[in-house]
Amino acid sequence: MKRSTMRHVFAMPLLIGLLIAFGLFAALLGDGWWDTLAWLGMGIAAILSVRGLLVRRT
């Protein structure tokens, strides 16, 4: 069995959390490009989350 470091285990959840926080913050700031940044931040986080659920590791 391979040992996982703390960085390896929490890297992706931390990235997803930061993307969601950025998206929510951008949504509060304004319209136009801020809305686009909010959609991108939360959309990428959603895609990464679903990918993590569907990908089977061997």
Protein backbone atom coordinates (compact mmCIF):
# COMPACT_ATOMS: atom_id res chain seq x y z
CA MET A 1 0.00 0.00 0.00
CA LYS A 2 1.27 3.45 -0.90
CA ARG A 3 1.56 6.03 1.85
CA SER A 4 -0.12 9.34 1.14
CA THR A 5 1.19 12.56 2.52
CA MET A 6 -1.07 15.19 3.98
CA ARG A 7 -0.40 17.43 0.97
CA HIS A 8 -1.41 14.68 -1.45
CA VAL A 9 -4.65 13.93 0.40
CA PHE A 10 -5.86 17.51 0.83
CA ALA A 11 -4.57 19.21 -2.35
CA MET A 12 -7.68 18.72 -4.51
CA PRO A 13 -10.26 19.50 -1.78
CA LEU A 14 -8.33 22.66 -0.94
CA LEU A 15 -8.27 23.70 -4.61
CA ILE A 16 -12.01 23.08 -4.95
CA GLY A 17 -12.72 25.07 -1.79
CA LEU A 18 -10.62 28.00 -3.01
CA LEU A 19 -12.34 27.99 -6.41
CA ILE A 20 -15.77 28.03 -4.77
CA ALA A 21 -14.76 30.83 -2.40
CA PHE A 22 -13.37 32.84 -5.33
CA GLY A 23 -16.56 32.25 -7.34
CA LEU A 24 -18.82 33.34 -4.51
CA PHE A 25 -16.70 36.41 -3.81
CA ALA A 26 -16.70 37.37 -7.50
CA ALA A 27 -20.49 36.98 -7.62
CA LEU A 28 -20.85 39.49 -4.79
CA LEU A 29 -18.56 42.09 -6.35
CA GLY A 30 -20.52 43.10 -9.40
CA ASP A 31 -21.89 42.36 -12.83
CA GLY A 32 -20.41 41.71 -16.22
CA TRP A 33 -16.96 40.16 -16.00
CA TRP A 34 -17.45 39.41 -12.31
CA ASP A 35 -20.39 37.18 -13.18
CA THR A 36 -18.24 35.39 -15.75
CA LEU A 37 -15.49 34.84 -13.18
CA ALA A 38 -18.07 33.56 -10.69
CA TRP A 39 -19.44 31.07 -13.23
CA LEU A 40 -15.93 29.91 -14.11
CA GLY A 41 -14.82 29.52 -10.51
CA MET A 42 -17.83 27.55 -9.38
CA GLY A 43 -18.18 25.66 -12.67
CA ILE A 44 -14.60 24.40 -12.62
CA ALA A 45 -15.04 23.39 -8.98
CA ALA A 46 -18.20 21.44 -9.87
CA ILE A 47 -16.47 19.69 -12.78
CA LEU A 48 -13.51 18.72 -10.59
CA SER A 49 -15.86 17.40 -7.90
CA VAL A 50 -17.86 15.26 -10.33
CA ARG A 51 -14.66 14.00 -11.96
CA GLY A 52 -13.38 12.97 -8.55
CA LEU A 53 -16.56 11.02 -7.89
CA LEU A 54 -16.59 9.25 -11.25
CA VAL A 55 -12.92 8.42 -11.79
CA ARG A 56 -11.97 5.05 -10.39
CA ARG A 57 -8.43 4.74 -9.11
CA THR A 58 -6.68 1.41 -9.26
